[in-house]
Amino acid sequence: LYFLTRNRSAHVYCVEPDPKNVARIPRTL
């Protein structure tokens, strides 16, 4: 979220193994 809010065009590749965390990423973003 921090990286994406530096501007309106950046793209971020997220690497996360915990399914509980992965399920929350789309909500955060």
Full PDB file with SEQRES, HELIX, SHEET, SSBOND, CRYST1, ORIGX, SCALE, CONECT and MASTER records, all heavy atoms in Angstrom:
SEQRES   1 A   29  LEU TYR PHE LEU THR ARG ASN ARG SER ALA HIS VAL TYR          
SEQRES   2 A   29  CYS VAL GLU PRO ASP PRO LYS ASN VAL ALA ARG ILE PRO          
SEQRES   3 A   29  ARG THR LEU                                                  
HELIX    1 AA1 LEU A    4  ARG A    6  5                                   3    
HELIX    2 AA2 PRO A   19  THR A   28  1                                  10    
CRYST1    1.000    1.000    1.000  90.00  90.00  90.00 P 1           1          
ORIGX1      1.000000  0.000000  0.000000        0.00000                         
ORIGX2      0.000000  1.000000  0.000000        0.00000                         
ORIGX3      0.000000  0.000000  1.000000        0.00000                         
SCALE1      1.000000  0.000000  0.000000        0.00000                         
SCALE2      0.000000  1.000000  0.000000        0.00000                         
SCALE3      0.000000  0.000000  1.000000        0.00000                         
ATOM      1  N   LEU A   1       0.832  -1.202   0.000  1.00  0.00           N  
ATOM      2  CA  LEU A   1       0.000   0.000   0.000  1.00  0.00           C  
ATOM      3  C   LEU A   1       0.867   1.253   0.000  1.00  0.00           C  
ATOM      4  O   LEU A   1       0.588   2.225  -0.729  1.00  0.00           O  
ATOM      5  CB  LEU A   1      -0.921  -0.005   1.221  1.00  0.00           C  
ATOM      6  CG  LEU A   1      -1.877   1.180   1.351  1.00  0.00           C  
ATOM      7  CD1 LEU A   1      -2.901   1.177   0.235  1.00  0.00           C  
ATOM      8  CD2 LEU A   1      -2.583   1.148   2.712  1.00  0.00           C  
ATOM      9  N   TYR A   2       1.927   1.256   0.792  1.00  0.00           N  
ATOM     10  CA  TYR A   2       2.844   2.395   0.807  1.00  0.00           C  
ATOM     11  C   TYR A   2       3.435   2.621  -0.583  1.00  0.00           C  
ATOM     12  O   TYR A   2       3.442   3.748  -1.096  1.00  0.00           O  
ATOM     13  CB  TYR A   2       3.958   2.159   1.824  1.00  0.00           C  
ATOM     14  CG  TYR A   2       5.088   3.153   1.739  1.00  0.00           C  
ATOM     15  CD1 TYR A   2       4.975   4.420   2.291  1.00  0.00           C  
ATOM     16  CD2 TYR A   2       6.270   2.824   1.069  1.00  0.00           C  
ATOM     17  CE1 TYR A   2       6.006   5.341   2.190  1.00  0.00           C  
ATOM     18  CE2 TYR A   2       7.304   3.734   0.967  1.00  0.00           C  
ATOM     19  CZ  TYR A   2       7.172   4.995   1.531  1.00  0.00           C  
ATOM     20  OH  TYR A   2       8.189   5.909   1.413  1.00  0.00           O  
ATOM     21  N   PHE A   3       3.927   1.563  -1.215  1.00  0.00           N  
ATOM     22  CA  PHE A   3       4.539   1.720  -2.542  1.00  0.00           C  
ATOM     23  C   PHE A   3       3.509   2.219  -3.561  1.00  0.00           C  
ATOM     24  O   PHE A   3       3.814   3.093  -4.376  1.00  0.00           O  
ATOM     25  CB  PHE A   3       5.136   0.387  -3.002  1.00  0.00           C  
ATOM     26  CG  PHE A   3       6.260  -0.119  -2.141  1.00  0.00           C  
ATOM     27  CD1 PHE A   3       6.343  -1.454  -1.783  1.00  0.00           C  
ATOM     28  CD2 PHE A   3       7.255   0.741  -1.686  1.00  0.00           C  
ATOM     29  CE1 PHE A   3       7.374  -1.932  -0.995  1.00  0.00           C  
ATOM     30  CE2 PHE A   3       8.300   0.286  -0.893  1.00  0.00           C  
ATOM     31  CZ  PHE A   3       8.355  -1.065  -0.551  1.00  0.00           C  
ATOM     32  N   LEU A   4       2.304   1.682  -3.526  1.00  0.00           N  
ATOM     33  CA  LEU A   4       1.285   2.069  -4.494  1.00  0.00           C  
ATOM     34  C   LEU A   4       0.852   3.520  -4.336  1.00  0.00           C  
ATOM     35  O   LEU A   4       0.412   4.155  -5.312  1.00  0.00           O  
ATOM     36  CB  LEU A   4       0.064   1.152  -4.380  1.00  0.00           C  
ATOM     37  CG  LEU A   4       0.256  -0.295  -4.831  1.00  0.00           C  
ATOM     38  CD1 LEU A   4      -0.989  -1.119  -4.534  1.00  0.00           C  
ATOM     39  CD2 LEU A   4       0.582  -0.360  -6.320  1.00  0.00           C  
ATOM     40  N   THR A   5       0.962   4.051  -3.131  1.00  0.00           N  
ATOM     41  CA  THR A   5       0.518   5.430  -2.897  1.00  0.00           C  
ATOM     42  C   THR A   5       1.606   6.461  -3.136  1.00  0.00           C  
ATOM     43  O   THR A   5       1.389   7.655  -2.886  1.00  0.00           O  
ATOM     44  CB  THR A   5      -0.026   5.583  -1.461  1.00  0.00           C  
ATOM     45  OG1 THR A   5       0.973   5.159  -0.517  1.00  0.00           O  
ATOM     46  CG2 THR A   5      -1.292   4.767  -1.265  1.00  0.00           C  
ATOM     47  N   ARG A   6       2.764   6.037  -3.640  1.00  0.00           N  
ATOM     48  CA  ARG A   6       3.772   7.046  -4.006  1.00  0.00           C  
ATOM     49  C   ARG A   6       3.332   7.795  -5.262  1.00  0.00           C  
ATOM     50  O   ARG A   6       3.747   8.938  -5.479  1.00  0.00           O  
ATOM     51  CB  ARG A   6       5.127   6.387  -4.259  1.00  0.00           C  
ATOM     52  CG  ARG A   6       5.752   5.655  -3.072  1.00  0.00           C  
ATOM     53  CD  ARG A   6       5.767   6.490  -1.822  1.00  0.00           C  
ATOM     54  NE  ARG A   6       4.561   6.276  -1.013  1.00  0.00           N  
ATOM     55  CZ  ARG A   6       4.239   7.027   0.042  1.00  0.00           C  
ATOM     56  NH1 ARG A   6       5.001   8.043   0.394  1.00  0.00           N  
ATOM     57  NH2 ARG A   6       3.135   6.776   0.727  1.00  0.00           N  
ATOM     58  N   ASN A   7       2.509   7.169  -6.103  1.00  0.00           N  
ATOM     59  CA  ASN A   7       1.995   7.805  -7.309  1.00  0.00           C  
ATOM     60  C   ASN A   7       0.781   6.994  -7.777  1.00  0.00           C  
ATOM     61  O   ASN A   7       0.349   6.070  -7.087  1.00  0.00           O  
ATOM     62  CB  ASN A   7       3.070   7.900  -8.402  1.00  0.00           C  
ATOM     63  CG  ASN A   7       3.678   6.547  -8.737  1.00  0.00           C  
ATOM     64  OD1 ASN A   7       2.982   5.599  -9.103  1.00  0.00           O  
ATOM     65  ND2 ASN A   7       5.003   6.435  -8.589  1.00  0.00           N  
ATOM     66  N   ARG A   8       0.266   7.294  -8.949  1.00  0.00           N  
ATOM     67  CA  ARG A   8      -0.941   6.618  -9.436  1.00  0.00           C  
ATOM     68  C   ARG A   8      -0.662   5.575 -10.522  1.00  0.00           C  
ATOM     69  O   ARG A   8      -1.597   5.133 -11.199  1.00  0.00           O  
ATOM     70  CB  ARG A   8      -1.942   7.662  -9.957  1.00  0.00           C  
ATOM     71  CG  ARG A   8      -2.408   8.625  -8.869  1.00  0.00           C  
ATOM     72  CD  ARG A   8      -3.516   9.545  -9.345  1.00  0.00           C  
ATOM     73  NE  ARG A   8      -3.901  10.475  -8.302  1.00  0.00           N  
ATOM     74  CZ  ARG A   8      -4.762  10.206  -7.317  1.00  0.00           C  
ATOM     75  NH1 ARG A   8      -5.333   9.003  -7.273  1.00  0.00           N  
ATOM     76  NH2 ARG A   8      -5.051  11.104  -6.404  1.00  0.00           N  
ATOM     77  N   SER A   9       0.587   5.169 -10.688  1.00  0.00           N  
ATOM     78  CA  SER A   9       0.873   4.224 -11.757  1.00  0.00           C  
ATOM     79  C   SER A   9       1.802   3.083 -11.366  1.00  0.00           C  
ATOM     80  O   SER A   9       1.995   2.151 -12.161  1.00  0.00           O  
ATOM     81  CB  SER A   9       1.478   4.968 -12.958  1.00  0.00           C  
ATOM     82  OG  SER A   9       2.684   5.625 -12.587  1.00  0.00           O  
ATOM     83  N   ALA A  10       2.402   3.089 -10.182  1.00  0.00           N  
ATOM     84  CA  ALA A  10       3.343   2.035  -9.788  1.00  0.00           C  
ATOM     85  C   ALA A  10       2.648   0.678  -9.731  1.00  0.00           C  
ATOM     86  O   ALA A  10       1.438   0.581  -9.475  1.00  0.00           O  
ATOM     87  CB  ALA A  10       3.951   2.362  -8.428  1.00  0.00           C  
ATOM     88  N   HIS A  11       3.433  -0.386  -9.964  1.00  0.00           N  
ATOM     89  CA  HIS A  11       2.922  -1.756  -9.837  1.00  0.00           C  
ATOM     90  C   HIS A  11       3.791  -2.483  -8.819  1.00  0.00           C  
ATOM     91  O   HIS A  11       5.017  -2.321  -8.795  1.00  0.00           O  
ATOM     92  CB  HIS A  11       2.976  -2.492 -11.179  1.00  0.00           C  
ATOM     93  CG  HIS A  11       2.207  -3.778 -11.173  1.00  0.00           C  
ATOM     94  ND1 HIS A  11       0.892  -3.866 -11.592  1.00  0.00           N  
ATOM     95  CD2 HIS A  11       2.565  -5.032 -10.783  1.00  0.00           C  
ATOM     96  CE1 HIS A  11       0.476  -5.113 -11.469  1.00  0.00           C  
ATOM     97  NE2 HIS A  11       1.472  -5.849 -10.973  1.00  0.00           N  
ATOM     98  N   VAL A  12       3.156  -3.313  -7.988  1.00  0.00           N  
ATOM     99  CA  VAL A  12       3.869  -4.031  -6.931  1.00  0.00           C  
ATOM    100  C   VAL A  12       3.596  -5.525  -7.065  1.00  0.00           C  
ATOM    101  O   VAL A  12       2.451  -5.944  -7.265  1.00  0.00           O  
ATOM    102  CB  VAL A  12       3.467  -3.541  -5.526  1.00  0.00           C  
ATOM    103  CG1 VAL A  12       4.261  -4.285  -4.457  1.00  0.00           C  
ATOM    104  CG2 VAL A  12       3.677  -2.039  -5.396  1.00  0.00           C  
ATOM    105  N   TYR A  13       4.664  -6.309  -6.930  1.00  0.00           N  
ATOM    106  CA  TYR A  13       4.577  -7.763  -6.909  1.00  0.00           C  
ATOM    107  C   TYR A  13       4.702  -8.216  -5.459  1.00  0.00           C  
ATOM    108  O   TYR A  13       5.724  -7.975  -4.804  1.00  0.00           O  
ATOM    109  CB  TYR A  13       5.685  -8.370  -7.770  1.00  0.00           C  
ATOM    110  CG  TYR A  13       5.538  -8.023  -9.238  1.00  0.00           C  
ATOM    111  CD1 TYR A  13       6.048  -6.818  -9.738  1.00  0.00           C  
ATOM    112  CD2 TYR A  13       4.876  -8.876 -10.112  1.00  0.00           C  
ATOM    113  CE1 TYR A  13       5.892  -6.484 -11.076  1.00  0.00           C  
ATOM    114  CE2 TYR A  13       4.727  -8.550 -11.460  1.00  0.00           C  
ATOM    115  CZ  TYR A  13       5.235  -7.355 -11.926  1.00  0.00           C  
ATOM    116  OH  TYR A  13       5.086  -7.018 -13.260  1.00  0.00           O  
ATOM    117  N   CYS A  14       3.634  -8.845  -4.931  1.00  0.00           N  
ATOM    118  CA  CYS A  14       3.569  -9.250  -3.523  1.00  0.00           C  
ATOM    119  C   CYS A  14       3.885 -10.748  -3.408  1.00  0.00           C  
ATOM    120  O   CYS A  14       3.282 -11.559  -4.124  1.00  0.00           O  
ATOM    121  CB  CYS A  14       2.176  -9.017  -2.946  1.00  0.00           C  
ATOM    122  SG  CYS A  14       1.480  -7.390  -3.227  1.00  0.00           S  
ATOM    123  N   VAL A  15       4.763 -11.092  -2.487  1.00  0.00           N  
ATOM    124  CA  VAL A  15       5.107 -12.491  -2.229  1.00  0.00           C  
ATOM    125  C   VAL A  15       4.743 -12.787  -0.775  1.00  0.00           C  
ATOM    126  O   VAL A  15       5.336 -12.225   0.150  1.00  0.00           O  
ATOM    127  CB  VAL A  15       6.605 -12.754  -2.474  1.00  0.00           C  
ATOM    128  CG1 VAL A  15       6.928 -14.229  -2.256  1.00  0.00           C  
ATOM    129  CG2 VAL A  15       7.014 -12.308  -3.877  1.00  0.00           C  
ATOM    130  N   GLU A  16       3.758 -13.660  -0.558  1.00  0.00           N  
ATOM    131  CA  GLU A  16       3.277 -13.934   0.794  1.00  0.00           C  
ATOM    132  C   GLU A  16       2.733 -15.362   0.869  1.00  0.00           C  
ATOM    133  O   GLU A  16       1.834 -15.734   0.111  1.00  0.00           O  
ATOM    134  CB  GLU A  16       2.174 -12.953   1.180  1.00  0.00           C  
ATOM    135  CG  GLU A  16       1.471 -13.242   2.496  1.00  0.00           C  
ATOM    136  CD  GLU A  16       2.416 -13.316   3.694  1.00  0.00           C  
ATOM    137  OE1 GLU A  16       3.308 -12.450   3.801  1.00  0.00           O  
ATOM    138  OE2 GLU A  16       2.269 -14.241   4.519  1.00  0.00           O  
ATOM    139  N   PRO A  17       3.247 -16.206   1.794  1.00  0.00           N  
ATOM    140  CA  PRO A  17       2.824 -17.609   1.854  1.00  0.00           C  
ATOM    141  C   PRO A  17       1.643 -17.909   2.783  1.00  0.00           C  
ATOM    142  O   PRO A  17       0.999 -18.949   2.617  1.00  0.00           O  
ATOM    143  CB  PRO A  17       4.079 -18.312   2.362  1.00  0.00           C  
ATOM    144  CG  PRO A  17       4.728 -17.288   3.242  1.00  0.00           C  
ATOM    145  CD  PRO A  17       4.442 -15.950   2.606  1.00  0.00           C  
ATOM    146  N   ASP A  18       1.372 -17.063   3.769  1.00  0.00           N  
ATOM    147  CA  ASP A  18       0.343 -17.359   4.767  1.00  0.00           C  
ATOM    148  C   ASP A  18      -1.042 -17.098   4.163  1.00  0.00           C  
ATOM    149  O   ASP A  18      -1.379 -15.953   3.848  1.00  0.00           O  
ATOM    150  CB  ASP A  18       0.560 -16.474   6.000  1.00  0.00           C  
ATOM    151  CG  ASP A  18      -0.371 -16.829   7.147  1.00  0.00           C  
ATOM    152  OD1 ASP A  18      -1.436 -17.446   6.900  1.00  0.00           O  
ATOM    153  OD2 ASP A  18      -0.069 -16.466   8.303  1.00  0.00           O  
ATOM    154  N   PRO A  19      -1.868 -18.125   3.992  1.00  0.00           N  
ATOM    155  CA  PRO A  19      -3.174 -17.926   3.358  1.00  0.00           C  
ATOM    156  C   PRO A  19      -4.046 -16.887   4.063  1.00  0.00           C  
ATOM    157  O   PRO A  19      -4.813 -16.169   3.410  1.00  0.00           O  
ATOM    158  CB  PRO A  19      -3.814 -19.317   3.422  1.00  0.00           C  
ATOM    159  CG  PRO A  19      -2.660 -20.265   3.522  1.00  0.00           C  
ATOM    160  CD  PRO A  19      -1.607 -19.534   4.322  1.00  0.00           C  
ATOM    161  N   LYS A  20      -3.954 -16.800   5.392  1.00  0.00           N  
ATOM    162  CA  LYS A  20      -4.747 -15.807   6.112  1.00  0.00           C  
ATOM    163  C   LYS A  20      -4.340 -14.391   5.719  1.00  0.00           C  
ATOM    164  O   LYS A  20      -5.176 -13.510   5.563  1.00  0.00           O  
ATOM    165  CB  LYS A  20      -4.589 -15.997   7.623  1.00  0.00           C  
ATOM    166  CG  LYS A  20      -5.277 -17.228   8.175  1.00  0.00           C  
ATOM    167  CD  LYS A  20      -4.972 -17.421   9.657  1.00  0.00           C  
ATOM    168  CE  LYS A  20      -5.398 -16.220  10.481  1.00  0.00           C  
ATOM    169  NZ  LYS A  20      -5.134 -16.432  11.933  1.00  0.00           N  
ATOM    170  N   ASN A  21      -3.046 -14.167   5.565  1.00  0.00           N  
ATOM    171  CA  ASN A  21      -2.583 -12.848   5.129  1.00  0.00           C  
ATOM    172  C   ASN A  21      -2.949 -12.579   3.671  1.00  0.00           C  
ATOM    173  O   ASN A  21      -3.372 -11.475   3.315  1.00  0.00           O  
ATOM    174  CB  ASN A  21      -1.072 -12.734   5.313  1.00  0.00           C  
ATOM    175  CG  ASN A  21      -0.662 -12.597   6.765  1.00  0.00           C  
ATOM    176  OD1 ASN A  21      -1.461 -12.225   7.617  1.00  0.00           O  
ATOM    177  ND2 ASN A  21       0.589 -12.911   7.052  1.00  0.00           N  
ATOM    178  N   VAL A  22      -2.768 -13.591   2.832  1.00  0.00           N  
ATOM    179  CA  VAL A  22      -3.085 -13.432   1.405  1.00  0.00           C  
ATOM    180  C   VAL A  22      -4.551 -13.028   1.226  1.00  0.00           C  
ATOM    181  O   VAL A  22      -4.873 -12.179   0.386  1.00  0.00           O  
ATOM    182  CB  VAL A  22      -2.780 -14.726   0.633  1.00  0.00           C  
ATOM    183  CG1 VAL A  22      -3.334 -14.657  -0.791  1.00  0.00           C  
ATOM    184  CG2 VAL A  22      -1.274 -14.983   0.600  1.00  0.00           C  
ATOM    185  N   ALA A  23      -5.429 -13.602   2.031  1.00  0.00           N  
ATOM    186  CA  ALA A  23      -6.853 -13.279   1.920  1.00  0.00           C  
ATOM    187  C   ALA A  23      -7.140 -11.824   2.272  1.00  0.00           C  
ATOM    188  O   ALA A  23      -8.131 -11.252   1.804  1.00  0.00           O  
ATOM    189  CB  ALA A  23      -7.660 -14.211   2.822  1.00  0.00           C  
ATOM    190  N   ARG A  24      -6.273 -11.210   3.081  1.00  0.00           N  
ATOM    191  CA  ARG A  24      -6.495  -9.826   3.497  1.00  0.00           C  
ATOM    192  C   ARG A  24      -5.870  -8.804   2.551  1.00  0.00           C  
ATOM    193  O   ARG A  24      -6.218  -7.619   2.593  1.00  0.00           O  
ATOM    194  CB  ARG A  24      -5.949  -9.621   4.911  1.00  0.00           C  
ATOM    195  CG  ARG A  24      -6.707 -10.406   5.977  1.00  0.00           C  
ATOM    196  CD  ARG A  24      -6.002 -10.340   7.316  1.00  0.00           C  
ATOM    197  NE  ARG A  24      -5.932  -8.988   7.843  1.00  0.00           N  
ATOM    198  CZ  ARG A  24      -5.206  -8.636   8.907  1.00  0.00           C  
ATOM    199  NH1 ARG A  24      -4.487  -9.560   9.535  1.00  0.00           N  
ATOM    200  NH2 ARG A  24      -5.190  -7.397   9.336  1.00  0.00           N  
ATOM    201  N   ILE A  25      -4.944  -9.241   1.699  1.00  0.00           N  
ATOM    202  CA  ILE A  25      -4.271  -8.294   0.817  1.00  0.00           C  
ATOM    203  C   ILE A  25      -5.248  -7.564  -0.106  1.00  0.00           C  
ATOM    204  O   ILE A  25      -5.191  -6.328  -0.216  1.00  0.00           O  
ATOM    205  CB  ILE A  25      -3.156  -8.995   0.011  1.00  0.00           C  
ATOM    206  CG1 ILE A  25      -2.007  -9.395   0.948  1.00  0.00           C  
ATOM    207  CG2 ILE A  25      -2.635  -8.087  -1.095  1.00  0.00           C  
ATOM    208  CD1 ILE A  25      -0.913 -10.209   0.262  1.00  0.00           C  
ATOM    209  N   PRO A  26      -6.188  -8.249  -0.784  1.00  0.00           N  
ATOM    210  CA  PRO A  26      -7.106  -7.508  -1.653  1.00  0.00           C  
ATOM    211  C   PRO A  26      -7.947  -6.474  -0.905  1.00  0.00           C  
ATOM    212  O   PRO A  26      -8.305  -5.441  -1.483  1.00  0.00           O  
ATOM    213  CB  PRO A  26      -7.981  -8.616  -2.256  1.00  0.00           C  
ATOM    214  CG  PRO A  26      -7.126  -9.843  -2.204  1.00  0.00           C  
ATOM    215  CD  PRO A  26      -6.360  -9.708  -0.908  1.00  0.00           C  
ATOM    216  N   ARG A  27      -8.254  -6.742   0.359  1.00  0.00           N  
ATOM    217  CA  ARG A  27      -8.996  -5.750   1.140  1.00  0.00           C  
ATOM    218  C   ARG A  27      -8.136  -4.526   1.408  1.00  0.00           C  
ATOM    219  O   ARG A  27      -8.596  -3.390   1.269  1.00  0.00           O  
ATOM    220  CB  ARG A  27      -9.460  -6.372   2.468  1.00  0.00           C  
ATOM    221  CG  ARG A  27     -10.365  -5.467   3.298  1.00  0.00           C  
ATOM    222  CD  ARG A  27     -10.642  -6.084   4.654  1.00  0.00           C  
ATOM    223  NE  ARG A  27      -9.451  -6.088   5.501  1.00  0.00           N  
ATOM    224  CZ  ARG A  27      -9.361  -6.729   6.661  1.00  0.00           C  
ATOM    225  NH1 ARG A  27     -10.383  -7.451   7.095  1.00  0.00           N  
ATOM    226  NH2 ARG A  27      -8.258  -6.664   7.375  1.00  0.00           N  
ATOM    227  N   THR A  28      -6.874  -4.744   1.782  1.00  0.00           N  
ATOM    228  CA  THR A  28      -5.970  -3.626   2.026  1.00  0.00           C  
ATOM    229  C   THR A  28      -5.777  -2.791   0.764  1.00  0.00           C  
ATOM    230  O   THR A  28      -5.674  -1.556   0.834  1.00  0.00           O  
ATOM    231  CB  THR A  28      -4.601  -4.145   2.513  1.00  0.00           C  
ATOM    232  OG1 THR A  28      -4.783  -4.909   3.709  1.00  0.00           O  
ATOM    233  CG2 THR A  28      -3.645  -2.990   2.811  1.00  0.00           C  
ATOM    234  N   LEU A  29      -5.755  -3.449  -0.392  1.00  0.00           N  
ATOM    235  CA  LEU A  29      -5.445  -2.783  -1.660  1.00  0.00           C  
ATOM    236  C   LEU A  29      -6.686  -2.598  -2.530  1.00  0.00           C  
ATOM    237  O   LEU A  29      -6.571  -2.462  -3.756  1.00  0.00           O  
ATOM    238  CB  LEU A  29      -4.401  -3.603  -2.420  1.00  0.00           C  
ATOM    239  CG  LEU A  29      -3.133  -3.972  -1.642  1.00  0.00           C  
ATOM    240  CD1 LEU A  29      -2.200  -4.812  -2.508  1.00  0.00           C  
ATOM    241  CD2 LEU A  29      -2.422  -2.722  -1.128  1.00  0.00           C  
TER     242      LEU A  29                                                      
MASTER        0    0    0    2    0    0    0    6  241    1    0    3          
END                                                                             
